[in-house]
PDB file of N, CA and C in Angstrom:
ATOM      1  N   UNK A   1     341.687 235.491 151.511  1.00  0.00           N
ATOM      2  CA  UNK A   1     341.158 234.191 151.878  1.00  0.00           C
ATOM      3  C   UNK A   1     340.278 233.619 150.760  1.00  0.00           C
ATOM      4  N   UNK A   2     339.523 234.487 150.129  1.00  0.00           N
ATOM      5  CA  UNK A   2     338.654 234.044 149.045  1.00  0.00           C
ATOM      6  C   UNK A   2     339.470 233.488 147.875  1.00  0.00           C
ATOM      7  N   UNK A   3     340.603 234.136 147.571  1.00  0.00           N
ATOM      8  CA  UNK A   3     341.477 233.677 146.492  1.00  0.00           C
ATOM      9  C   UNK A   3     342.034 232.294 146.805  1.00  0.00           C
ATOM     10  N   UNK A   4     342.433 232.075 148.045  1.00  0.00           N
ATOM     11  CA  UNK A   4     342.993 230.777 148.446  1.00  0.00           C
ATOM     12  C   UNK A   4     341.931 229.686 148.299  1.00  0.00           C
ATOM     13  N   UNK A   5     340.712 229.976 148.727  1.00  0.00           N
ATOM     14  CA  UNK A   5     339.619 229.016 148.590  1.00  0.00           C
ATOM     15  C   UNK A   5     339.355 228.704 147.123  1.00  0.00           C
ATOM     16  N   UNK A   6     339.338 229.745 146.300  1.00  0.00           N
ATOM     17  CA  UNK A   6     339.122 229.605 144.858  1.00  0.00           C
ATOM     18  C   UNK A   6     340.209 228.722 144.246  1.00  0.00           C
ATOM     19  N   UNK A   7     341.465 228.998 144.593  1.00  0.00           N
ATOM     20  CA  UNK A   7     342.592 228.243 144.052  1.00  0.00           C
ATOM     21  C   UNK A   7     342.557 226.785 144.513  1.00  0.00           C
ATOM     22  N   UNK A   8     342.294 226.567 145.775  1.00  0.00           N
ATOM     23  CA  UNK A   8     342.263 225.203 146.304  1.00  0.00           C
ATOM     24  C   UNK A   8     341.083 224.397 145.758  1.00  0.00           C
ATOM     25  N   UNK A   9     339.981 225.078 145.443  1.00  0.00           N
ATOM     26  CA  UNK A   9     338.842 224.395 144.831  1.00  0.00           C
ATOM     27  C   UNK A   9     339.210 223.863 143.453  1.00  0.00           C
ATOM     28  N   UNK A  10     339.839 224.704 142.631  1.00  0.00           N
ATOM     29  CA  UNK A  10     340.289 224.243 141.316  1.00  0.00           C
ATOM     30  C   UNK A  10     341.355 223.152 141.455  1.00  0.00           C
ATOM     31  N   UNK A  11     342.257 223.313 142.413  1.00  0.00           N
ATOM     32  CA  UNK A  11     343.308 222.313 142.615  1.00  0.00           C
ATOM     33  C   UNK A  11     342.709 220.970 143.028  1.00  0.00           C
ATOM     34  N   UNK A  12     341.719 220.994 143.897  1.00  0.00           N
ATOM     35  CA  UNK A  12     341.070 219.748 144.320  1.00  0.00           C
ATOM     36  C   UNK A  12     340.384 219.071 143.135  1.00  0.00           C
ATOM     37  N   UNK A  13     339.691 219.843 142.331  1.00  0.00           N
ATOM     38  CA  UNK A  13     339.041 219.281 141.151  1.00  0.00           C
ATOM     39  C   UNK A  13     340.030 218.677 140.179  1.00  0.00           C
ATOM     40  N   UNK A  14     341.124 219.379 139.941  1.00  0.00           N
ATOM     41  CA  UNK A  14     342.163 218.862 139.047  1.00  0.00           C
ATOM     42  C   UNK A  14     342.797 217.593 139.611  1.00  0.00           C
ATOM     43  N   UNK A  15     343.047 217.583 140.915  1.00  0.00           N
ATOM     44  CA  UNK A  15     343.665 216.410 141.540  1.00  0.00           C
ATOM     45  C   UNK A  15     342.760 215.189 141.429  1.00  0.00           C
ATOM     46  N   UNK A  16     341.468 215.375 141.660  1.00  0.00           N
ATOM     47  CA  UNK A  16     340.530 214.253 141.551  1.00  0.00           C
ATOM     48  C   UNK A  16     340.450 213.771 140.105  1.00  0.00           C
ATOM     49  N   UNK A  17     340.372 214.705 139.160  1.00  0.00           N
ATOM     50  CA  UNK A  17     340.310 214.323 137.742  1.00  0.00           C
ATOM     51  C   UNK A  17     341.575 213.577 137.326  1.00  0.00           C
ATOM     52  N   UNK A  18     342.727 214.056 137.774  1.00  0.00           N
ATOM     53  CA  UNK A  18     343.989 213.395 137.425  1.00  0.00           C
ATOM     54  C   UNK A  18     344.091 212.017 138.070  1.00  0.00           C
ATOM     55  N   UNK A  19     343.493 211.865 139.236  1.00  0.00           N
ATOM     56  CA  UNK A  19     343.528 210.571 139.922  1.00  0.00           C
ATOM     57  C   UNK A  19     342.586 209.559 139.263  1.00  0.00           C
ATOM     58  N   UNK A  20     341.432 210.028 138.791  1.00  0.00           N
ATOM     59  CA  UNK A  20     340.418 209.118 138.257  1.00  0.00           C
ATOM     60  C   UNK A  20     340.590 208.785 136.778  1.00  0.00           C
ATOM     61  N   UNK A  21     341.174 209.693 136.011  1.00  0.00           N
ATOM     62  CA  UNK A  21     341.266 209.501 134.562  1.00  0.00           C
ATOM     63  C   UNK A  21     342.710 209.286 134.133  1.00  0.00           C
ATOM     64  N   UNK A  22     342.943 208.244 133.376  1.00  0.00           N
ATOM     65  CA  UNK A  22     344.298 207.972 132.886  1.00  0.00           C
ATOM     66  C   UNK A  22     344.741 209.001 131.853  1.00  0.00           C
ATOM     67  N   UNK A  23     343.795 209.656 131.188  1.00  0.00           N
ATOM     68  CA  UNK A  23     344.130 210.623 130.147  1.00  0.00           C
ATOM     69  C   UNK A  23     344.389 212.027 130.648  1.00  0.00           C
ATOM     70  N   UNK A  24     344.265 212.249 131.945  1.00  0.00           N
ATOM     71  CA  UNK A  24     344.605 213.539 132.555  1.00  0.00           C
ATOM     72  C   UNK A  24     345.646 213.239 133.622  1.00  0.00           C
ATOM     73  N   UNK A  25     346.838 213.811 133.459  1.00  0.00           N
ATOM     74  CA  UNK A  25     347.907 213.459 134.397  1.00  0.00           C
ATOM     75  C   UNK A  25     348.975 214.550 134.459  1.00  0.00           C
ATOM     76  N   UNK A  26     349.758 214.469 135.522  1.00  0.00           N
ATOM     77  CA  UNK A  26     350.935 215.304 135.720  1.00  0.00           C
ATOM     78  C   UNK A  26     352.162 214.421 135.555  1.00  0.00           C
ATOM     79  N   UNK A  27     353.222 214.965 134.978  1.00  0.00           N
ATOM     80  CA  UNK A  27     354.479 214.229 134.874  1.00  0.00           C
ATOM     81  C   UNK A  27     355.068 214.029 136.263  1.00  0.00           C
ATOM     82  N   UNK A  28     355.824 212.954 136.437  1.00  0.00           N
ATOM     83  CA  UNK A  28     356.515 212.723 137.700  1.00  0.00           C
ATOM     84  C   UNK A  28     356.153 211.391 138.307  1.00  0.00           C
ATOM     85  N   UNK A  29     356.584 211.171 139.559  1.00  0.00           N
ATOM     86  CA  UNK A  29     356.329 209.898 140.233  1.00  0.00           C
ATOM     87  C   UNK A  29     354.828 209.638 140.386  1.00  0.00           C
ATOM     88  N   UNK A  30     354.473 208.361 140.485  1.00  0.00           N
ATOM     89  CA  UNK A  30     353.062 207.993 140.533  1.00  0.00           C
ATOM     90  C   UNK A  30     352.535 207.650 141.918  1.00  0.00           C
ATOM     91  N   UNK A  31     353.389 207.597 142.934  1.00  0.00           N
ATOM     92  CA  UNK A  31     352.872 207.274 144.260  1.00  0.00           C
ATOM     93  C   UNK A  31     353.829 207.744 145.346  1.00  0.00           C
ATOM     94  N   UNK A  32     353.311 207.783 146.548  1.00  0.00           N
ATOM     95  CA  UNK A  32     354.126 208.080 147.710  1.00  0.00           C
ATOM     96  C   UNK A  32     354.392 209.557 147.945  1.00  0.00           C
ATOM     97  N   UNK A  33     355.303 209.794 148.857  1.00  0.00           N
ATOM     98  CA  UNK A  33     355.668 211.151 149.262  1.00  0.00           C
ATOM     99  C   UNK A  33     356.297 211.929 148.116  1.00  0.00           C
ATOM    100  N   UNK A  34     357.067 211.261 147.271  1.00  0.00           N
ATOM    101  CA  UNK A  34     357.716 211.939 146.142  1.00  0.00           C
ATOM    102  C   UNK A  34     356.679 212.516 145.186  1.00  0.00           C
ATOM    103  N   UNK A  35     355.577 211.794 144.985  1.00  0.00           N
ATOM    104  CA  UNK A  35     354.519 212.299 144.106  1.00  0.00           C
ATOM    105  C   UNK A  35     353.945 213.595 144.662  1.00  0.00           C
ATOM    106  N   UNK A  36     353.660 213.599 145.949  1.00  0.00           N
ATOM    107  CA  UNK A  36     353.101 214.790 146.576  1.00  0.00           C
ATOM    108  C   UNK A  36     354.065 215.962 146.495  1.00  0.00           C
ATOM    109  N   UNK A  37     355.328 215.718 146.775  1.00  0.00           N
ATOM    110  CA  UNK A  37     356.319 216.791 146.766  1.00  0.00           C
ATOM    111  C   UNK A  37     356.543 217.365 145.375  1.00  0.00           C
ATOM    112  N   UNK A  38     356.558 216.517 144.359  1.00  0.00           N
ATOM    113  CA  UNK A  38     356.863 216.992 143.014  1.00  0.00           C
ATOM    114  C   UNK A  38     355.658 217.546 142.271  1.00  0.00           C
ATOM    115  N   UNK A  39     354.456 217.180 142.683  1.00  0.00           N
ATOM    116  CA  UNK A  39     353.280 217.585 141.917  1.00  0.00           C
ATOM    117  C   UNK A  39     352.462 218.699 142.553  1.00  0.00           C
ATOM    118  N   UNK A  40     352.734 219.066 143.794  1.00  0.00           N
ATOM    119  CA  UNK A  40     351.898 220.064 144.458  1.00  0.00           C
ATOM    120  C   UNK A  40     352.046 221.444 143.823  1.00  0.00           C
ATOM    121  N   UNK A  41     353.252 221.870 143.526  1.00  0.00           N
ATOM    122  CA  UNK A  41     353.436 223.184 142.907  1.00  0.00           C
ATOM    123  C   UNK A  41     352.866 223.228 141.495  1.00  0.00           C
ATOM    124  N   UNK A  42     353.155 222.241 140.630  1.00  0.00           N
ATOM    125  CA  UNK A  42     352.503 222.260 139.309  1.00  0.00           C
ATOM    126  C   UNK A  42     350.978 222.211 139.402  1.00  0.00           C
ATOM    127  N   UNK A  43     350.450 221.452 140.366  1.00  0.00           N
ATOM    128  CA  UNK A  43     348.999 221.385 140.545  1.00  0.00           C
ATOM    129  C   UNK A  43     348.429 222.759 140.867  1.00  0.00           C
ATOM    130  N   UNK A  44     349.060 223.473 141.786  1.00  0.00           N
ATOM    131  CA  UNK A  44     348.576 224.806 142.147  1.00  0.00           C
ATOM    132  C   UNK A  44     348.709 225.788 140.989  1.00  0.00           C
ATOM    133  N   UNK A  45     349.796 225.688 140.228  1.00  0.00           N
ATOM    134  CA  UNK A  45     349.977 226.588 139.085  1.00  0.00           C
ATOM    135  C   UNK A  45     348.980 226.285 137.969  1.00  0.00           C
ATOM    136  N   UNK A  46     348.708 225.013 137.720  1.00  0.00           N
ATOM    137  CA  UNK A  46     347.702 224.653 136.711  1.00  0.00           C
ATOM    138  C   UNK A  46     346.314 225.086 137.187  1.00  0.00           C
ATOM    139  N   UNK A  47     346.040 224.957 138.477  1.00  0.00           N
ATOM    140  CA  UNK A  47     344.766 225.434 139.021  1.00  0.00           C
ATOM    141  C   UNK A  47     344.632 226.940 138.825  1.00  0.00           C
ATOM    142  N   UNK A  48     345.726 227.663 139.000  1.00  0.00           N
ATOM    143  CA  UNK A  48     345.712 229.108 138.766  1.00  0.00           C
ATOM    144  C   UNK A  48     345.429 229.411 137.299  1.00  0.00           C
ATOM    145  N   UNK A  49     346.082 228.694 136.397  1.00  0.00           N
ATOM    146  CA  UNK A  49     345.841 228.894 134.960  1.00  0.00           C
ATOM    147  C   UNK A  49     344.387 228.578 134.618  1.00  0.00           C
ATOM    148  N   UNK A  50     343.864 227.459 135.130  1.00  0.00           N
ATOM    149  CA  UNK A  50     342.476 227.086 134.861  1.00  0.00           C
ATOM    150  C   UNK A  50     341.519 228.143 135.405  1.00  0.00           C
ATOM    151  N   UNK A  51     341.812 228.652 136.581  1.00  0.00           N
ATOM    152  CA  UNK A  51     340.976 229.702 137.152  1.00  0.00           C
ATOM    153  C   UNK A  51     340.994 230.971 136.326  1.00  0.00           C
ATOM    154  N   UNK A  52     342.168 231.341 135.829  1.00  0.00           N
ATOM    155  CA  UNK A  52     342.265 232.540 134.989  1.00  0.00           C
ATOM    156  C   UNK A  52     341.558 232.338 133.652  1.00  0.00           C
ATOM    157  N   UNK A  53     341.715 231.164 133.068  1.00  0.00           N
ATOM    158  CA  UNK A  53     341.010 230.858 131.811  1.00  0.00           C
ATOM    159  C   UNK A  53     339.501 230.911 132.047  1.00  0.00           C
ATOM    160  N   UNK A  54     339.041 230.331 133.148  1.00  0.00           N
ATOM    161  CA  UNK A  54     337.610 230.319 133.456  1.00  0.00           C
ATOM    162  C   UNK A  54     337.075 231.707 133.771  1.00  0.00           C
ATOM    163  N   UNK A  55     337.918 232.559 134.309  1.00  0.00           N
ATOM    164  CA  UNK A  55     337.486 233.901 134.674  1.00  0.00           C
ATOM    165  C   UNK A  55     337.469 234.853 133.490  1.00  0.00           C
ATOM    166  N   UNK A  56     338.467 234.773 132.629  1.00  0.00           N
ATOM    167  CA  UNK A  56     338.609 235.778 131.581  1.00  0.00           C
ATOM    168  C   UNK A  56     338.217 235.304 130.179  1.00  0.00           C
ATOM    169  N   UNK A  57     338.527 234.092 129.817  1.00  0.00           N
ATOM    170  CA  UNK A  57     338.281 233.630 128.447  1.00  0.00           C
ATOM    171  C   UNK A  57     336.913 232.962 128.316  1.00  0.00           C
ATOM    172  N   UNK A  58     336.563 232.119 129.264  1.00  0.00           N
ATOM    173  CA  UNK A  58     335.316 231.362 129.171  1.00  0.00           C
ATOM    174  C   UNK A  58     334.070 232.244 129.054  1.00  0.00           C
ATOM    175  N   UNK A  59     333.941 233.337 129.818  1.00  0.00           N
ATOM    176  CA  UNK A  59     332.738 234.172 129.655  1.00  0.00           C
ATOM    177  C   UNK A  59     332.592 234.765 128.254  1.00  0.00           C
ATOM    178  N   UNK A  60     333.701 235.122 127.635  1.00  0.00           N
ATOM    179  CA  UNK A  60     333.651 235.668 126.279  1.00  0.00           C
ATOM    180  C   UNK A  60     333.170 234.596 125.305  1.00  0.00           C
ATOM    181  N   UNK A  61     333.707 233.389 125.442  1.00  0.00           N
ATOM    182  CA  UNK A  61     333.297 232.279 124.578  1.00  0.00           C
ATOM    183  C   UNK A  61     331.813 231.971 124.782  1.00  0.00           C
ATOM    184  N   UNK A  62     331.364 231.967 126.025  1.00  0.00           N
ATOM    185  CA  UNK A  62     329.954 231.690 126.303  1.00  0.00           C
ATOM    186  C   UNK A  62     329.051 232.769 125.714  1.00  0.00           C
ATOM    187  N   UNK A  63     329.468 234.005 125.807  1.00  0.00           N
ATOM    188  CA  UNK A  63     328.670 235.097 125.249  1.00  0.00           C
ATOM    189  C   UNK A  63     328.575 234.982 123.731  1.00  0.00           C
ATOM    190  N   UNK A  64     329.695 234.705 123.082  1.00  0.00           N
ATOM    191  CA  UNK A  64     329.701 234.591 121.629  1.00  0.00           C
ATOM    192  C   UNK A  64     328.912 233.376 121.136  1.00  0.00           C
ATOM    193  N   UNK A  65     328.848 232.339 121.940  1.00  0.00           N
ATOM    194  CA  UNK A  65     328.153 231.125 121.514  1.00  0.00           C
ATOM    195  C   UNK A  65     326.766 230.988 122.142  1.00  0.00           C
ATOM    196  N   UNK A  66     326.247 232.047 122.732  1.00  0.00           N
ATOM    197  CA  UNK A  66     324.956 231.992 123.419  1.00  0.00           C
ATOM    198  C   UNK A  66     323.820 231.437 122.557  1.00  0.00           C
ATOM    199  N   UNK A  67     323.681 231.859 121.296  1.00  0.00           N
ATOM    200  CA  UNK A  67     322.591 231.269 120.495  1.00  0.00           C
ATOM    201  C   UNK A  67     322.716 229.745 120.354  1.00  0.00           C
ATOM    202  N   UNK A  68     323.937 229.254 120.212  1.00  0.00           N
ATOM    203  CA  UNK A  68     324.141 227.808 120.078  1.00  0.00           C
ATOM    204  C   UNK A  68     323.930 227.090 121.409  1.00  0.00           C
ATOM    205  N   UNK A  69     324.253 227.760 122.506  1.00  0.00           N
ATOM    206  CA  UNK A  69     323.994 227.183 123.833  1.00  0.00           C
ATOM    207  C   UNK A  69     322.492 227.005 124.021  1.00  0.00           C
ATOM    208  N   UNK A  70     321.731 228.018 123.635  1.00  0.00           N
ATOM    209  CA  UNK A  70     320.274 227.931 123.741  1.00  0.00           C
ATOM    210  C   UNK A  70     319.742 226.841 122.814  1.00  0.00           C
ATOM    211  N   UNK A  71     320.264 226.798 121.606  1.00  0.00           N
ATOM    212  CA  UNK A  71     319.814 225.818 120.615  1.00  0.00           C
ATOM    213  C   UNK A  71     320.082 224.380 121.063  1.00  0.00           C
ATOM    214  N   UNK A  72     321.198 224.160 121.754  1.00  0.00           N
ATOM    215  CA  UNK A  72     321.546 222.809 122.218  1.00  0.00           C
ATOM    216  C   UNK A  72     321.077 222.544 123.646  1.00  0.00           C
ATOM    217  N   UNK A  73     320.261 223.443 124.173  1.00  0.00           N
ATOM    218  CA  UNK A  73     319.715 223.315 125.528  1.00  0.00           C
ATOM    219  C   UNK A  73     320.813 223.198 126.588  1.00  0.00           C
ATOM    220  N   UNK A  74     321.908 223.881 126.372  1.00  0.00           N
ATOM    221  CA  UNK A  74     322.989 223.931 127.347  1.00  0.00           C
ATOM    222  C   UNK A  74     324.076 222.897 127.157  1.00  0.00           C
ATOM    223  N   UNK A  75     323.869 221.933 126.264  1.00  0.00           N
ATOM    224  CA  UNK A  75     324.887 220.895 126.062  1.00  0.00           C
ATOM    225  C   UNK A  75     326.215 221.491 125.623  1.00  0.00           C
ATOM    226  N   UNK A  76     326.157 222.565 124.861  1.00  0.00           N
ATOM    227  CA  UNK A  76     327.387 223.196 124.381  1.00  0.00           C
ATOM    228  C   UNK A  76     328.257 223.690 125.539  1.00  0.00           C
ATOM    229  N   UNK A  77     327.655 223.963 126.698  1.00  0.00           N
ATOM    230  CA  UNK A  77     328.440 224.383 127.864  1.00  0.00           C
ATOM    231  C   UNK A  77     329.427 223.294 128.287  1.00  0.00           C
ATOM    232  N   UNK A  78     329.026 222.036 128.167  1.00  0.00           N
ATOM    233  CA  UNK A  78     329.943 220.933 128.484  1.00  0.00           C
ATOM    234  C   UNK A  78     331.130 220.933 127.533  1.00  0.00           C
ATOM    235  N   UNK A  79     330.847 221.180 126.269  1.00  0.00           N
ATOM    236  CA  UNK A  79     331.911 221.229 125.265  1.00  0.00           C
ATOM    237  C   UNK A  79     332.840 222.403 125.541  1.00  0.00           C
ATOM    238  N   UNK A  80     332.273 223.556 125.895  1.00  0.00           N
ATOM    239  CA  UNK A  80     333.089 224.737 126.196  1.00  0.00           C
ATOM    240  C   UNK A  80     333.988 224.460 127.395  1.00  0.00           C
ATOM    241  N   UNK A  81     333.447 223.841 128.437  1.00  0.00           N
ATOM    242  CA  UNK A  81     334.263 223.516 129.612  1.00  0.00           C
ATOM    243  C   UNK A  81     335.394 222.564 129.253  1.00  0.00           C
ATOM    244  N   UNK A  82     335.109 221.584 128.406  1.00  0.00           N
ATOM    245  CA  UNK A  82     336.152 220.647 127.974  1.00  0.00           C
ATOM    246  C   UNK A  82     337.229 221.377 127.182  1.00  0.00           C
ATOM    247  N   UNK A  83     336.820 222.274 126.301  1.00  0.00           N
ATOM    248  CA  UNK A  83     337.793 223.038 125.515  1.00  0.00           C
ATOM    249  C   UNK A  83     338.633 223.958 126.400  1.00  0.00           C
ATOM    250  N   UNK A  84     338.043 224.498 127.461  1.00  0.00           N
ATOM    251  CA  UNK A  84     338.801 225.343 128.388  1.00  0.00           C
ATOM    252  C   UNK A  84     339.836 224.510 129.148  1.00  0.00           C
ATOM    253  N   UNK A  85     339.491 223.267 129.472  1.00  0.00           N
ATOM    254  CA  UNK A  85     340.458 222.379 130.125  1.00  0.00           C
ATOM    255  C   UNK A  85     341.595 222.033 129.166  1.00  0.00           C
ATOM    256  N   UNK A  86     341.267 221.809 127.898  1.00  0.00           N
ATOM    257  CA  UNK A  86     342.308 221.531 126.905  1.00  0.00           C
ATOM    258  C   UNK A  86     343.197 222.759 126.688  1.00  0.00           C
ATOM    259  N   UNK A  87     342.602 223.954 126.694  1.00  0.00           N
ATOM    260  CA  UNK A  87     343.388 225.184 126.585  1.00  0.00           C
ATOM    261  C   UNK A  87     344.312 225.330 127.787  1.00  0.00           C
ATOM    262  N   UNK A  88     343.810 224.997 128.963  1.00  0.00           N
ATOM    263  CA  UNK A  88     344.639 225.040 130.170  1.00  0.00           C
ATOM    264  C   UNK A  88     345.832 224.103 130.035  1.00  0.00           C
ATOM    265  N   UNK A  89     345.609 222.914 129.493  1.00  0.00           N
ATOM    266  CA  UNK A  89     346.712 221.964 129.297  1.00  0.00           C
ATOM    267  C   UNK A  89     347.739 222.522 128.319  1.00  0.00           C
ATOM    268  N   UNK A  90     347.275 223.184 127.269  1.00  0.00           N
ATOM    269  CA  UNK A  90     348.211 223.788 126.303  1.00  0.00           C
ATOM    270  C   UNK A  90     349.026 224.900 126.956  1.00  0.00           C
ATOM    271  N   UNK A  91     348.363 225.749 127.736  1.00  0.00           N
ATOM    272  CA  UNK A  91     349.076 226.830 128.421  1.00  0.00           C
ATOM    273  C   UNK A  91     350.051 226.266 129.455  1.00  0.00           C
ATOM    274  N   UNK A  92     349.640 225.228 130.169  1.00  0.00           N
ATOM    275  CA  UNK A  92     350.532 224.591 131.142  1.00  0.00           C
ATOM    276  C   UNK A  92     351.743 223.990 130.446  1.00  0.00           C
ATOM    277  N   UNK A  93     351.536 223.444 129.251  1.00  0.00           N
ATOM    278  CA  UNK A  93     352.646 222.903 128.471  1.00  0.00           C
ATOM    279  C   UNK A  93     353.603 224.013 128.055  1.00  0.00           C
ATOM    280  N   UNK A  94     353.063 225.179 127.735  1.00  0.00           N
ATOM    281  CA  UNK A  94     353.910 226.316 127.359  1.00  0.00           C
ATOM    282  C   UNK A  94     354.790 226.760 128.527  1.00  0.00           C
ATOM    283  N   UNK A  95     354.297 226.581 129.757  1.00  0.00           N
ATOM    284  CA  UNK A  95     355.068 226.937 130.947  1.00  0.00           C
ATOM    285  C   UNK A  95     355.817 225.735 131.521  1.00  0.00           C
ATOM    286  N   UNK A  96     355.811 224.612 130.803  1.00  0.00           N
ATOM    287  CA  UNK A  96     356.526 223.396 131.189  1.00  0.00           C
ATOM    288  C   UNK A  96     356.125 222.912 132.586  1.00  0.00           C
ATOM    289  N   UNK A  97     354.803 222.828 132.818  1.00  0.00           N
ATOM    290  CA  UNK A  97     354.302 222.386 134.113  1.00  0.00           C
ATOM    291  C   UNK A  97     354.012 220.888 134.161  1.00  0.00           C
ATOM    292  N   UNK A  98     354.105 220.212 133.034  1.00  0.00           N
ATOM    293  CA  UNK A  98     353.921 218.769 133.021  1.00  0.00           C
ATOM    294  C   UNK A  98     352.493 218.310 133.212  1.00  0.00           C
ATOM    295  N   UNK A  99     351.517 219.125 132.811  1.00  0.00           N
ATOM    296  CA  UNK A  99     350.106 218.745 132.896  1.00  0.00           C
ATOM    297  C   UNK A  99     349.620 218.384 131.504  1.00  0.00           C
ATOM    298  N   UNK A 100     348.943 217.228 131.397  1.00  0.00           N
ATOM    299  CA  UNK A 100     348.522 216.744 130.083  1.00  0.00           C
ATOM    300  C   UNK A 100     347.065 216.293 130.108  1.00  0.00           C
ATOM    301  N   UNK A 101     346.359 216.612 129.033  1.00  0.00           N
ATOM    302  CA  UNK A 101     345.006 216.110 128.807  1.00  0.00           C
ATOM    303  C   UNK A 101     345.025 215.454 127.438  1.00  0.00           C
ATOM    304  N   UNK A 102     344.807 214.154 127.416  1.00  0.00           N
ATOM    305  CA  UNK A 102     344.882 213.399 126.165  1.00  0.00           C
ATOM    306  C   UNK A 102     343.490 213.208 125.575  1.00  0.00           C
ATOM    307  N   UNK A 103     343.122 214.062 124.648  1.00  0.00           N
ATOM    308  CA  UNK A 103     341.885 213.886 123.906  1.00  0.00           C
ATOM    309  C   UNK A 103     340.694 214.615 124.483  1.00  0.00           C
ATOM    310  N   UNK A 104     339.718 214.779 123.600  1.00  0.00           N
ATOM    311  CA  UNK A 104     338.520 215.536 123.949  1.00  0.00           C
ATOM    312  C   UNK A 104     337.682 214.837 125.013  1.00  0.00           C
ATOM    313  N   UNK A 105     337.518 213.513 124.907  1.00  0.00           N
ATOM    314  CA  UNK A 105     336.637 212.814 125.843  1.00  0.00           C
ATOM    315  C   UNK A 105     337.183 212.847 127.266  1.00  0.00           C
ATOM    316  N   UNK A 106     338.494 212.742 127.409  1.00  0.00           N
ATOM    317  CA  UNK A 106     339.090 212.900 128.738  1.00  0.00           C
ATOM    318  C   UNK A 106     338.856 214.312 129.261  1.00  0.00           C
ATOM    319  N   UNK A 107     338.960 215.296 128.382  1.00  0.00           N
ATOM    320  CA  UNK A 107     338.711 216.680 128.788  1.00  0.00           C
ATOM    321  C   UNK A 107     337.255 216.868 129.200  1.00  0.00           C
ATOM    322  N   UNK A 108     336.336 216.251 128.473  1.00  0.00           N
ATOM    323  CA  UNK A 108     334.915 216.380 128.793  1.00  0.00           C
ATOM    324  C   UNK A 108     334.603 215.770 130.160  1.00  0.00           C
ATOM    325  N   UNK A 109     335.057 214.546 130.378  1.00  0.00           N
ATOM    326  CA  UNK A 109     334.813 213.890 131.668  1.00  0.00           C
ATOM    327  C   UNK A 109     335.572 214.619 132.780  1.00  0.00           C
ATOM    328  N   UNK A 110     336.792 215.057 132.492  1.00  0.00           N
ATOM    329  CA  UNK A 110     337.570 215.802 133.477  1.00  0.00           C
ATOM    330  C   UNK A 110     336.907 217.103 133.879  1.00  0.00           C
ATOM    331  N   UNK A 111     336.341 217.808 132.917  1.00  0.00           N
ATOM    332  CA  UNK A 111     335.662 219.064 133.252  1.00  0.00           C
ATOM    333  C   UNK A 111     334.416 218.800 134.089  1.00  0.00           C
ATOM    334  N   UNK A 112     333.734 217.684 133.829  1.00  0.00           N
ATOM    335  CA  UNK A 112     332.591 217.310 134.668  1.00  0.00           C
ATOM    336  C   UNK A 112     333.040 216.999 136.096  1.00  0.00           C
ATOM    337  N   UNK A 113     334.146 216.285 136.235  1.00  0.00           N
ATOM    338  CA  UNK A 113     334.672 215.959 137.564  1.00  0.00           C
ATOM    339  C   UNK A 113     335.063 217.233 138.303  1.00  0.00           C
ATOM    340  N   UNK A 114     335.747 218.139 137.626  1.00  0.00           N
ATOM    341  CA  UNK A 114     336.164 219.397 138.251  1.00  0.00           C
ATOM    342  C   UNK A 114     334.946 220.194 138.700  1.00  0.00           C
ATOM    343  N   UNK A 115     333.902 220.207 137.885  1.00  0.00           N
ATOM    344  CA  UNK A 115     332.675 220.922 138.236  1.00  0.00           C
ATOM    345  C   UNK A 115     332.009 220.308 139.459  1.00  0.00           C
ATOM    346  N   UNK A 116     331.899 218.988 139.492  1.00  0.00           N
ATOM    347  CA  UNK A 116     331.253 218.311 140.620  1.00  0.00           C
ATOM    348  C   UNK A 116     332.052 218.516 141.905  1.00  0.00           C
ATOM    349  N   UNK A 117     333.364 218.414 141.832  1.00  0.00           N
ATOM    350  CA  UNK A 117     334.203 218.655 143.015  1.00  0.00           C
ATOM    351  C   UNK A 117     334.043 220.100 143.481  1.00  0.00           C
ATOM    352  N   UNK A 118     334.002 221.037 142.544  1.00  0.00           N
ATOM    353  CA  UNK A 118     333.797 222.441 142.899  1.00  0.00           C
ATOM    354  C   UNK A 118     332.475 222.664 143.604  1.00  0.00           C
ATOM    355  N   UNK A 119     331.420 222.028 143.104  1.00  0.00           N
ATOM    356  CA  UNK A 119     330.123 222.122 143.771  1.00  0.00           C
ATOM    357  C   UNK A 119     330.214 221.566 145.183  1.00  0.00           C
ATOM    358  N   UNK A 120     330.860 220.419 145.331  1.00  0.00           N
ATOM    359  CA  UNK A 120     330.997 219.806 146.647  1.00  0.00           C
ATOM    360  C   UNK A 120     331.746 220.690 147.631  1.00  0.00           C
ATOM    361  N   UNK A 121     332.817 221.312 147.164  1.00  0.00           N
ATOM    362  CA  UNK A 121     333.588 222.209 148.035  1.00  0.00           C
ATOM    363  C   UNK A 121     332.742 223.409 148.433  1.00  0.00           C
ATOM    364  N   UNK A 122     332.011 223.984 147.480  1.00  0.00           N
ATOM    365  CA  UNK A 122     331.182 225.152 147.798  1.00  0.00           C
ATOM    366  C   UNK A 122     330.045 224.795 148.753  1.00  0.00           C
ATOM    367  N   UNK A 123     329.513 223.592 148.635  1.00  0.00           N
ATOM    368  CA  UNK A 123     328.461 223.157 149.557  1.00  0.00           C
ATOM    369  C   UNK A 123     329.039 222.915 150.948  1.00  0.00           C
ATOM    370  N   UNK A 124     330.240 222.345 151.017  1.00  0.00           N
ATOM    371  CA  UNK A 124     330.859 222.015 152.300  1.00  0.00           C
ATOM    372  C   UNK A 124     331.310 223.251 153.070  1.00  0.00           C
ATOM    373  N   UNK A 125     331.718 224.289 152.346  1.00  0.00           N
ATOM    374  CA  UNK A 125     332.184 225.498 153.017  1.00  0.00           C
ATOM    375  C   UNK A 125     330.997 226.361 153.424  1.00  0.00           C
ATOM    376  N   UNK A 126     331.120 227.051 154.554  1.00  0.00           N
ATOM    377  CA  UNK A 126     330.026 227.938 154.963  1.00  0.00           C
ATOM    378  C   UNK A 126     329.883 229.103 153.979  1.00  0.00           C
ATOM    379  N   UNK A 127     328.648 229.516 153.761  1.00  0.00           N
ATOM    380  CA  UNK A 127     328.411 230.629 152.829  1.00  0.00           C
ATOM    381  C   UNK A 127     328.821 231.948 153.477  1.00  0.00           C
ATOM    382  N   UNK A 128     329.118 232.925 152.633  1.00  0.00           N
ATOM    383  CA  UNK A 128     329.586 234.230 153.123  1.00  0.00           C
ATOM    384  C   UNK A 128     328.491 235.277 152.992  1.00  0.00           C
ATOM    385  N   UNK A 129     327.252 234.923 153.307  1.00  0.00           N
ATOM    386  CA  UNK A 129     326.133 235.869 153.185  1.00  0.00           C
ATOM    387  C   UNK A 129     326.169 236.926 154.239  1.00  0.00           C
TER     388      UNK A 129
END
């Protein structure tokens, strides 16, 4: 159950980012039932890739860049999150999932949107204490 919640949280963040930003998108129809049918599986697979990148690669990058994170008062974390989203788009392209992030600024704003949506989902769900 925890895995499903984790996956759906990333998927919700990606869906909101793709809806709000023209530079983050999935290939396929742009509206209606066909959009939902054709984009749900790629959305879930890209969410899985983003989750794996965030779980395994991002902590290593953060550890290696810790002095610079401290020096920039945490601003570098935004850049790291944007780069992880761009890496996710590259990996999704390698698997032909039709997910695209056009440029660094779209990745930066998209990573902020994904983070805010994730916070909202975690606040809305009951805690498991």
